[in-house]
Protein backbone atom coordinates (compact mmCIF):
# COMPACT_ATOMS: atom_id res chain seq x y z
CA MET A 1 60.53 96.61 90.82
CA GLY A 2 62.74 98.73 93.03
CA PHE A 3 65.65 98.69 95.45
CA ASN A 4 63.99 96.25 97.85
CA ASN A 5 63.05 93.57 95.32
CA ILE A 6 65.56 94.04 92.51
CA GLU A 7 66.44 90.34 92.41
CA GLU A 8 62.87 89.22 91.75
CA LYS A 9 61.42 88.26 88.38
CA SER A 10 59.03 90.61 86.60
CA LEU A 11 56.95 90.25 83.46
CA GLY A 12 57.97 93.70 82.18
CA TYR A 13 61.66 92.96 82.57
CA SER A 14 61.29 89.52 80.96
CA LEU A 15 59.57 91.02 77.90
CA LEU A 16 62.25 93.72 77.60
CA TYR A 17 65.02 91.13 78.05
CA THR A 18 63.63 88.86 75.31
CA THR A 19 63.23 91.75 72.87
CA VAL A 20 66.67 93.25 73.42
CA ARG A 21 68.35 89.84 73.31
CA PHE A 22 66.92 89.21 69.83
CA TRP A 23 68.23 92.53 68.54
CA HIS A 24 71.61 91.99 70.18
CA ASN A 25 72.34 88.34 69.37
CA VAL A 26 70.55 88.02 66.03
CA VAL A 27 70.38 91.46 64.42
CA PHE A 28 73.22 93.69 65.65
CA TYR A 29 75.97 91.08 65.92
CA LYS A 30 76.66 88.56 63.18
CA LYS A 31 77.90 86.06 65.74
CA VAL A 32 78.16 85.92 69.54
CA ILE A 33 80.71 83.32 70.65
CA VAL A 34 80.88 82.06 74.23
CA VAL A 35 84.15 80.44 75.35
CA ASN A 36 84.73 78.35 78.50
CA LYS A 37 81.17 78.67 79.78
CA GLN A 38 81.87 75.68 82.00
CA ASN A 39 83.95 77.99 84.20
CA ILE A 40 80.76 79.54 85.58
CA PRO A 41 80.21 77.76 88.93
CA LYS A 42 76.81 76.14 89.31
CA ASP A 43 74.79 76.70 92.48
CA ALA A 44 77.32 79.23 93.79
CA ASN A 45 77.24 82.89 94.76
CA VAL A 46 79.01 84.56 91.84
CA ILE A 47 80.38 88.02 91.10
CA PHE A 48 81.17 88.50 87.40
CA THR A 49 84.04 90.88 86.57
CA PRO A 50 84.52 91.71 82.85
CA ASN A 51 86.92 94.07 81.14
CA HIS A 52 85.24 97.30 80.06
CA GLN A 53 85.96 98.48 76.50
CA ASN A 54 82.64 99.30 74.90
CA ALA A 55 80.16 101.10 77.21
CA LEU A 56 76.64 99.59 77.28
CA MET A 57 77.57 96.79 74.87
CA ASP A 58 79.80 95.19 77.53
CA ALA A 59 76.85 94.87 79.90
CA LEU A 60 74.63 93.44 77.15
CA ALA A 61 77.36 90.96 76.20
CA LEU A 62 77.14 89.46 79.70
CA LEU A 63 73.39 89.77 80.02
CA PHE A 64 72.77 87.60 76.98
CA THR A 65 75.49 84.98 77.49
CA ILE A 66 75.27 84.18 81.22
CA PRO A 67 72.47 81.72 82.07
CA ARG A 68 71.16 83.48 85.18
CA ARG A 69 69.56 86.78 86.13
CA LEU A 70 72.15 89.51 86.57
CA VAL A 71 72.21 92.59 88.77
CA PHE A 72 74.73 95.30 87.96
CA MET A 73 76.31 97.86 90.27
CA ALA A 74 77.00 101.48 89.31
CA ARG A 75 78.11 104.66 91.05
CA ALA A 76 75.39 106.17 93.24
CA ASP A 77 75.40 109.70 91.80
CA ILE A 78 73.48 108.57 88.68
CA PHE A 79 70.58 107.58 91.00
CA ALA A 80 70.10 111.20 92.19
CA LYS A 81 66.87 111.79 90.24
CA PRO A 82 63.95 109.58 91.38
CA ALA A 83 62.64 108.98 87.85
CA LEU A 84 66.05 107.85 86.59
CA ALA A 85 66.59 105.78 89.73
CA ALA A 86 63.30 103.95 89.07
CA ILE A 87 64.46 103.07 85.56
CA LEU A 88 67.85 101.88 86.82
CA TYR A 89 66.23 99.66 89.44
CA PHE A 90 63.86 98.26 86.80
CA ILE A 91 66.81 97.19 84.60
CA LYS A 92 68.46 95.70 87.72
CA ILE A 93 71.19 98.16 88.66
CA LEU A 94 72.13 98.82 92.29
CA PRO A 95 73.94 101.94 93.55
CA ILE A 96 77.31 101.78 95.24
CA TYR A 97 78.24 104.76 97.39
CA ARG A 98 81.72 106.27 97.64
CA SER A 99 83.16 108.59 100.27
CA ARG A 100 82.91 111.44 97.77
CA ASP A 101 79.11 110.97 97.73
CA GLY A 102 78.87 112.80 101.05
CA LYS A 103 77.83 112.09 104.61
CA GLY A 104 75.97 108.90 105.29
CA SER A 105 77.43 107.12 102.25
CA VAL A 106 78.97 104.36 104.39
CA GLN A 107 75.65 103.80 106.18
CA LYS A 108 73.81 103.63 102.85
CA ASN A 109 76.27 101.02 101.62
CA LYS A 110 75.31 98.77 104.53
CA ALA A 111 71.80 98.60 103.07
CA VAL A 112 73.29 97.91 99.64
CA PHE A 113 75.39 95.03 101.00
CA VAL A 114 72.24 93.52 102.50
CA ARG A 115 70.67 93.68 99.04
CA THR A 116 73.74 92.09 97.40
CA VAL A 117 73.37 89.15 99.77
CA ASP A 118 69.71 88.80 98.74
CA VAL A 119 70.74 89.04 95.08
CA LEU A 120 73.35 86.32 95.40
CA THR A 121 71.32 83.94 97.54
CA ALA A 122 68.38 84.30 95.12
CA GLY A 123 70.58 82.71 92.44
CA CYS A 124 71.33 85.94 90.59
CA GLY A 125 74.80 86.98 89.51
CA LEU A 126 76.31 90.28 90.57
CA VAL A 127 78.27 92.21 87.93
CA LEU A 128 81.05 94.65 88.80
CA LEU A 129 83.33 96.43 86.33
CA PRO A 130 86.75 96.35 88.04
CA GLU A 131 88.42 98.76 85.58
CA GLY A 132 85.93 101.42 86.67
CA SER A 133 85.50 103.17 83.31
CA HIS A 134 85.47 102.15 79.66
CA GLU A 135 88.21 102.69 77.08
CA GLY A 136 88.64 101.19 73.61
CA VAL A 137 92.06 99.65 74.11
CA HIS A 138 93.26 96.06 73.85
CA LYS A 139 94.63 95.74 77.35
CA ILE A 140 93.60 95.36 80.97
CA ARG A 141 93.89 98.73 82.66
CA PRO A 142 94.80 98.91 86.38
CA LEU A 143 91.90 97.52 88.39
CA LYS A 144 90.10 99.52 91.06
CA LYS A 145 89.77 98.07 94.54
CA GLY A 146 86.01 98.57 94.69
CA PHE A 147 85.06 95.07 93.54
CA ALA A 148 87.27 93.49 96.23
CA ARG A 149 85.90 95.74 98.95
CA ILE A 150 82.34 94.89 97.93
CA ALA A 151 83.11 91.17 97.90
CA PHE A 152 84.75 91.22 101.35
CA GLN A 153 82.19 93.56 102.93
CA THR A 154 79.33 91.46 101.57
CA GLU A 155 80.97 88.36 103.05
CA GLU A 156 81.69 90.17 106.32
CA SER A 157 78.06 91.24 106.65
CA ASN A 158 77.10 87.57 106.43
CA ASN A 159 79.78 86.15 108.77
CA PHE A 160 81.93 84.93 105.84
CA SER A 161 79.45 82.18 105.00
CA LEU A 162 78.61 83.01 101.37
CA ASP A 163 81.73 81.50 99.74
CA ILE A 164 81.56 84.04 96.91
CA LYS A 165 83.23 83.11 93.63
CA ILE A 166 84.64 85.83 91.37
CA VAL A 167 84.58 84.94 87.67
CA PRO A 168 86.95 86.95 85.42
CA ILE A 169 85.61 87.64 81.92
CA GLY A 170 87.33 88.81 78.75
CA ILE A 171 85.17 90.53 76.13
CA ASP A 172 86.60 90.91 72.62
CA TYR A 173 85.00 92.69 69.64
CA SER A 174 86.05 92.18 66.03
CA ASN A 175 85.08 95.84 65.67
CA TYR A 176 83.88 98.17 68.41
CA GLN A 177 81.46 100.22 66.33
CA ASP A 178 80.41 98.38 63.18
CA PHE A 179 77.13 96.58 62.64
CA ARG A 180 77.14 92.80 61.95
CA THR A 181 80.50 92.05 63.56
CA THR A 182 81.56 89.28 65.95
CA LEU A 183 81.67 89.27 69.74
CA ILE A 184 83.62 86.85 71.97
CA VAL A 185 82.83 86.40 75.67
CA ASN A 186 85.57 84.37 77.37
CA PHE A 187 85.04 83.07 80.93
CA GLY A 188 88.04 82.41 83.13
CA ALA A 189 88.46 80.09 86.12
CA ALA A 190 86.67 81.32 89.23
CA ILE A 191 88.54 82.83 92.19
CA SER A 192 87.30 81.85 95.67
CA VAL A 193 87.09 84.84 97.98
CA SER A 194 87.34 82.35 100.85
CA ASP A 195 91.03 81.89 99.96
CA TYR A 196 91.58 85.40 101.35
CA TYR A 197 89.38 85.24 104.49
CA ASP A 198 92.16 84.73 107.03
CA GLN A 199 94.33 87.40 105.44
CA PHE A 200 91.40 89.84 105.35
CA LYS A 201 90.72 89.37 109.05
CA GLU A 202 94.34 90.15 109.88
CA ASN A 203 95.11 92.80 107.24
CA PRO A 204 92.15 93.94 105.06
CA ALA A 205 94.29 96.16 102.81
CA LEU A 206 96.69 93.32 102.02
CA ALA A 207 93.83 90.93 101.23
CA ILE A 208 92.10 93.47 98.99
CA ASN A 209 95.30 94.10 97.02
CA GLY A 210 96.00 90.37 96.76
CA LEU A 211 92.54 89.64 95.37
CA LYS A 212 92.85 92.58 92.97
CA ASP A 213 96.21 91.38 91.65
CA ASP A 214 94.91 87.82 91.32
CA LEU A 215 91.93 88.95 89.25
CA GLU A 216 94.04 91.27 87.11
CA GLY A 217 96.39 88.45 86.20
CA LYS A 218 93.52 86.13 85.24
CA MET A 219 91.77 88.79 83.17
CA LYS A 220 94.93 89.37 81.14
CA GLU A 221 94.80 85.73 80.04
CA LEU A 222 91.31 86.19 78.57
CA ILE A 223 91.83 89.05 76.11
CA VAL A 224 94.30 90.42 73.57
CA ASN A 225 96.40 92.27 76.14
CA ILE A 226 98.95 94.80 74.83
CA GLU A 227 101.10 95.89 77.76
CA SER A 228 103.66 97.96 75.85
CA GLU A 229 103.06 101.65 76.54
CA GLU A 230 105.58 103.09 74.07
CA TYR A 231 104.67 100.84 71.14
CA TYR A 232 100.98 100.13 71.77
CA GLU A 233 99.96 101.37 68.31
CA LEU A 234 102.64 99.22 66.64
CA TYR A 235 101.32 96.09 68.39
CA ASP A 236 97.74 96.98 67.52
CA LEU A 237 98.49 97.56 63.83
CA LEU A 238 100.84 94.62 63.37
CA LYS A 239 98.40 92.05 64.77
CA ASP A 240 95.98 92.91 61.92
CA ILE A 241 98.66 93.08 59.23
CA TYR A 242 100.20 89.72 60.09
CA ASN A 243 97.11 87.81 61.19
CA ASP A 244 96.79 85.48 58.19
CA LYS A 245 100.40 84.31 58.41
CA MET A 246 100.18 84.03 62.19
CA ARG A 247 97.13 81.81 61.91
CA GLU A 248 98.80 79.63 59.30
CA SER A 249 101.86 79.17 61.50
CA MET A 250 99.56 77.99 64.29
CA GLY A 251 97.62 75.60 62.04
CA LEU A 252 94.45 77.73 62.20
CA THR A 253 93.36 77.60 58.57
CA GLU A 254 89.88 79.12 58.79
CA ARG A 255 89.65 82.91 58.78
CA ASN A 256 87.22 83.67 61.59
CA HIS A 257 87.21 85.77 64.73
CA PRO A 258 88.02 82.99 67.25
CA ASN A 259 91.10 82.02 65.22
CA LYS A 260 92.07 85.66 64.78
CA PHE A 261 91.75 86.12 68.53
CA LYS A 262 94.10 83.17 69.22
CA ALA A 263 96.62 84.37 66.61
CA ASP A 264 96.54 87.94 67.93
CA ARG A 265 97.25 86.80 71.48
CA GLU A 266 100.21 84.69 70.34
CA LEU A 267 101.68 87.45 68.17
CA ILE A 268 101.38 89.96 71.02
CA ARG A 269 103.23 87.54 73.29
CA LEU A 270 106.04 86.99 70.77
CA LEU A 271 106.31 90.68 69.92
CA GLY A 272 106.60 91.45 73.65
CA ARG A 273 109.52 89.02 73.85
CA PHE A 274 111.10 90.59 70.77
CA GLU A 275 110.79 94.08 72.28
CA LYS A 276 112.59 92.95 75.43
CA GLU A 277 115.38 91.20 73.54
CA ASN A 278 115.80 93.70 70.68
CA PRO A 279 114.67 97.16 71.93
CA GLU A 280 116.98 98.92 69.45
CA GLU A 281 114.97 97.50 66.49
CA MET A 282 111.56 98.68 67.67
CA PRO A 283 111.73 102.35 66.50
CA ALA A 284 112.44 101.36 62.88
CA LEU A 285 109.69 98.72 62.89
CA ASP A 286 107.29 101.21 64.45
CA LYS A 287 108.04 103.80 61.75
CA LEU A 288 107.68 101.22 58.96
CA VAL A 289 104.33 99.88 60.19
CA LYS A 290 102.86 103.36 60.66
CA SER A 291 104.07 104.49 57.22
CA TYR A 292 102.49 101.46 55.54
CA SER A 293 99.24 101.83 57.52
CA ALA A 294 98.92 105.50 56.55
CA LYS A 295 99.23 104.61 52.85
CA ARG A 296 96.82 101.70 53.13
CA ASN A 297 94.22 103.89 54.84
CA ARG A 298 94.66 106.58 52.20
CA TYR A 299 93.91 104.10 49.41
CA GLY A 300 91.06 102.51 51.36
CA PHE A 301 92.46 98.96 51.22
CA SER A 302 91.97 96.45 54.04
CA ASN A 303 94.75 94.26 55.38
CA GLU A 304 92.67 91.26 54.35
CA LEU A 305 92.72 92.43 50.73
CA LEU A 306 96.51 92.67 50.73
CA GLN A 307 96.75 89.27 52.38
CA GLU A 308 94.56 87.79 49.64
CA GLY A 309 96.89 89.19 46.97
CA ARG A 310 95.91 89.56 43.32
CA VAL A 311 92.75 87.94 42.01
CA SER A 312 92.04 87.01 38.40
CA VAL A 313 90.21 89.37 36.08
CA PHE A 314 87.85 86.51 35.19
CA SER A 315 86.90 86.06 38.85
CA LEU A 316 86.23 89.79 39.23
CA MET A 317 84.11 89.81 36.08
CA LEU A 318 81.98 86.95 37.39
CA LYS A 319 81.46 88.76 40.69
CA SER A 320 80.60 91.96 38.85
CA ALA A 321 78.03 90.16 36.67
CA TRP A 322 76.43 88.65 39.77
CA LEU A 323 76.14 92.06 41.45
CA VAL A 324 74.59 93.57 38.32
CA ALA A 325 72.06 90.72 38.12
CA THR A 326 71.06 91.18 41.77
CA LEU A 327 71.05 94.99 41.69
CA PRO A 328 67.19 95.19 41.75
CA VAL A 329 67.21 93.29 45.05
CA PHE A 330 69.62 95.84 46.51
CA ILE A 331 67.57 98.77 45.22
CA PHE A 332 64.37 97.39 46.78
CA GLY A 333 66.13 96.75 50.10
CA PHE A 334 67.89 100.11 50.07
CA LEU A 335 64.77 102.16 49.31
CA ASN A 336 62.70 100.39 51.95
CA ASN A 337 65.32 100.55 54.70
CA MET A 338 67.19 103.77 54.02
CA LEU A 339 65.21 105.90 56.50
CA PRO A 340 65.68 103.79 59.67
CA TRP A 341 69.26 102.92 58.68
CA GLY A 342 70.07 106.53 57.83
CA ILE A 343 68.72 107.70 61.19
CA THR A 344 70.80 105.05 62.99
CA VAL A 345 74.02 106.08 61.22
CA TRP A 346 73.28 109.79 61.71
CA ALA A 347 72.57 109.31 65.42
CA GLY A 348 75.84 107.42 65.87
CA SER A 349 77.79 110.19 64.16
CA LYS A 350 76.58 112.68 66.76
CA ILE A 351 78.20 110.83 69.66
CA LYS A 352 81.64 112.19 70.51
CA ASP A 353 82.87 109.29 72.67
CA PRO A 354 83.80 106.52 70.16
CA GLN A 355 83.02 103.82 72.72
CA PHE A 356 79.44 105.06 73.09
CA LYS A 357 78.76 105.00 69.35
CA SER A 358 77.83 101.32 69.10
CA SER A 359 75.66 101.55 72.24
CA PHE A 360 73.75 104.52 70.86
CA LYS A 361 73.44 102.98 67.39
CA PHE A 362 72.13 99.77 68.93
CA VAL A 363 69.36 101.55 70.85
CA VAL A 364 68.35 103.71 67.87
CA LEU A 365 68.42 100.70 65.54
CA MET A 366 66.20 98.69 67.88
CA LEU A 367 63.62 101.51 67.99
CA ALA A 368 63.80 102.96 64.47
CA PHE A 369 63.37 99.82 62.36
CA PRO A 370 60.15 98.50 63.98
CA ILE A 371 58.60 101.99 63.96
CA PHE A 372 59.38 102.61 60.29
CA TYR A 373 58.37 99.08 59.27
CA ILE A 374 54.95 99.59 60.85
CA LEU A 375 54.50 103.05 59.31
CA GLN A 376 55.61 101.88 55.86
CA THR A 377 53.29 98.88 56.00
CA VAL A 378 50.34 101.09 56.98
CA VAL A 379 51.05 103.37 54.01
CA PHE A 380 51.43 100.36 51.72
CA ALA A 381 48.10 98.96 52.93
CA LEU A 382 46.34 102.18 51.91
CA PHE A 383 47.28 101.54 48.28
CA CYS A 384 47.14 97.73 48.21
CA GLU A 385 43.75 96.15 47.57
CA LEU A 386 44.90 92.66 48.58
CA SER A 387 44.60 92.09 52.33
CA TRP A 388 47.50 89.60 52.38
CA GLY A 389 49.70 91.92 50.30
CA SER A 390 50.52 94.09 53.31
CA TRP A 391 51.70 91.06 55.28
CA ILE A 392 53.96 89.99 52.42
CA TYR A 393 55.34 93.53 52.18
CA LEU A 394 56.02 93.63 55.96
CA LEU A 395 57.80 90.27 55.79
CA SER A 396 59.90 91.45 52.85
CA LEU A 397 61.31 94.44 54.75
CA PRO A 398 63.75 92.65 57.13
CA ILE A 399 64.63 90.08 54.43
CA SER A 400 65.42 92.81 51.91
CA ALA A 401 67.46 94.65 54.56
CA VAL A 402 69.71 91.59 55.03
CA LEU A 403 70.07 91.04 51.29
CA ALA A 404 70.86 94.73 50.67
CA TRP A 405 73.49 94.61 53.42
CA TRP A 406 75.16 91.57 51.85
CA TRP A 407 75.03 93.14 48.41
CA ASN A 408 76.55 96.41 49.61
CA SER A 409 79.34 94.59 51.50
CA GLY A 410 80.12 92.55 48.39
CA PHE A 411 80.10 95.67 46.22
CA LYS A 412 82.56 97.51 48.46
CA HIS A 413 84.93 94.56 48.52
CA LEU A 414 84.70 94.07 44.75
CA LYS A 415 85.30 97.78 44.14
CA ASN A 416 88.51 97.62 46.18
CA GLN A 417 89.62 94.46 44.37
CA TRP A 418 89.25 96.22 40.99
CA LYS A 419 91.08 99.23 42.38
CA PHE A 420 93.87 97.02 43.74
CA LEU A 421 94.22 95.27 40.36
CA SER A 422 94.28 98.59 38.51
CA PHE A 423 96.98 100.07 40.77
CA ALA A 424 99.07 96.91 40.45
CA LYS A 425 98.91 96.88 36.63
CA LYS A 426 99.69 100.59 36.33
CA SER A 427 102.51 100.36 38.89
CA ASN A 428 101.15 103.35 40.79
CA PRO A 429 104.21 104.77 42.66
CA GLY A 430 102.44 105.15 46.00
CA PHE A 431 100.93 101.70 45.67
CA VAL A 432 104.30 100.15 44.80
CA LYS A 433 105.87 101.79 47.86
CA MET A 434 103.01 100.53 50.04
CA MET A 435 103.51 96.97 48.80
CA GLU A 436 107.26 97.18 49.38
CA GLU A 437 106.63 98.26 52.96
CA TYR A 438 104.05 95.50 53.37
CA HIS A 439 106.52 92.79 52.35
CA LEU A 440 109.22 94.28 54.59
CA ILE A 441 106.78 94.13 57.52
CA ILE A 442 105.85 90.52 56.77
CA GLY A 443 109.54 89.60 56.61
CA LYS A 444 110.25 91.32 59.92
CA ALA A 445 107.20 89.72 61.55
CA ASP A 446 108.45 86.34 60.31
CA GLU A 447 111.66 87.06 62.20
CA VAL A 448 109.68 88.03 65.33
CA VAL A 449 107.72 84.77 65.45
CA SER A 450 110.59 82.47 64.43
C-alpha cells in the first residue's frame, strides 16, 4: 500500500487494525463512549475534524469509533525519509505540502488533492486536525485555515460536485495519561461545504474564514470549553471540586464520565457568566481554590473522597478484611505482570511532552505484555509436566492482571479513606484548614450556579 492506492483495503492493515482496536477499546480504556453517532452522514463524502488534545490517542479515538476506513493527513516534512513514508502510507496517512516545504509544493498538492477525491469517493473518511498541534487544555484553540483550503481545493479540482460534509468532533478524556480511564467521542452536526460555494468563487479568503468560524463554533459545543484566559486554572480546578453537587443540581445522580462531562460544561457556562457579571470577585475565588487544591494535593486526597465525606469505621474494617483475604490474588497478579507493567510505566516516564505519555505507554503496553506472556509461559512449560498446565498459566496471566489492578485501586482508595478519617479525628490543623476552604468553595460555587 502506498500513495497511489492508500484508500484500498489490505490484509496487513486489517490485521493491525483489529489488534490495535482490541488493545485500545478493551484493554487501555475502561470505557469508550460514542455520542451522537447519527450525525455522521451516510453515503456522503466526509471530512472529520476533531479537537487535538492527546497526540496519537486522538487519532485512535476516531479510528475505532467511526464505521468507515479513515485516511489522515499530516505535514509533508515527516515523509522525507522513504522508509518512514512507506510506513505512513501503510497506516493511511497522506502528506499535505505547505509553502515552507519549498519549490514545487503547490504542484505536489495537486496530486494530493486528486488522491483525496479518490479517498472520499471510495467511501473512506478524511481526517484533518484543524487546531494544527496538540495541547492538553480543555478548550478549542484558534483553528488553522488548512482544513478549509483542502476542502475547497478538493471540491474545486472536481468542479464542486463532491458535496463534501465536514463533521466536527469533540474528544474528551477523563484523564489524559492514566490507564483504564474513560474516553468520550462526541459527533456534531455536519457542515455542508456547498453552503460556501458561491462565496468561495467570489472571494475565497472570505469563504475560508467563514467555514473556519462555523466549524470553530460547532466544535466548542462538543467539549468542555474554557475560554477564560486569566482564570483558566480556576475553571479547570473548580469543575472537579464541584462536580458532585453540579450533577445533583442537574438531576444526574450516577457518578460516571458522561454525567461529569455534562455537569462540567454547565458549570463552565455558569462560571463564565459569573466572571462577566462579578469580575471583582474572581481574584479571591481564584486564590481560595488554588490554596485548597495545593493542600489537597499535598495530602494526596482526591476531590471525590472529600465529596464522599466521612465513612464509618465498620465499613473501612470490612473493606480492609476483604483486601487481606484477597491479598494472595494480588501477589500472584503483581509478580506475573510486574515486568511488562514496569517497563510500560518506565517508558512513559521518559517522555517529556505530557500529551505524548499516553500514546507511548499505549504502544509499549501493546508490545510488552504479549512478549512477556509468551516468554513466561515458555519458562513455565519447562518446569510443568502437565501439557495443559501451560495453557492454564497463560490464561491466568491477563485475568490476574485485571484482578491485581482492581485490588491495587481499592487499596489506594481505602488507604486514603483511613488517612482522611485519622486526620479528621485528630483535627490535624492543615486538614482542618483544607476542609474550611473546601466548604467555602462549595458555598461560593452554590452562589455561582444559583
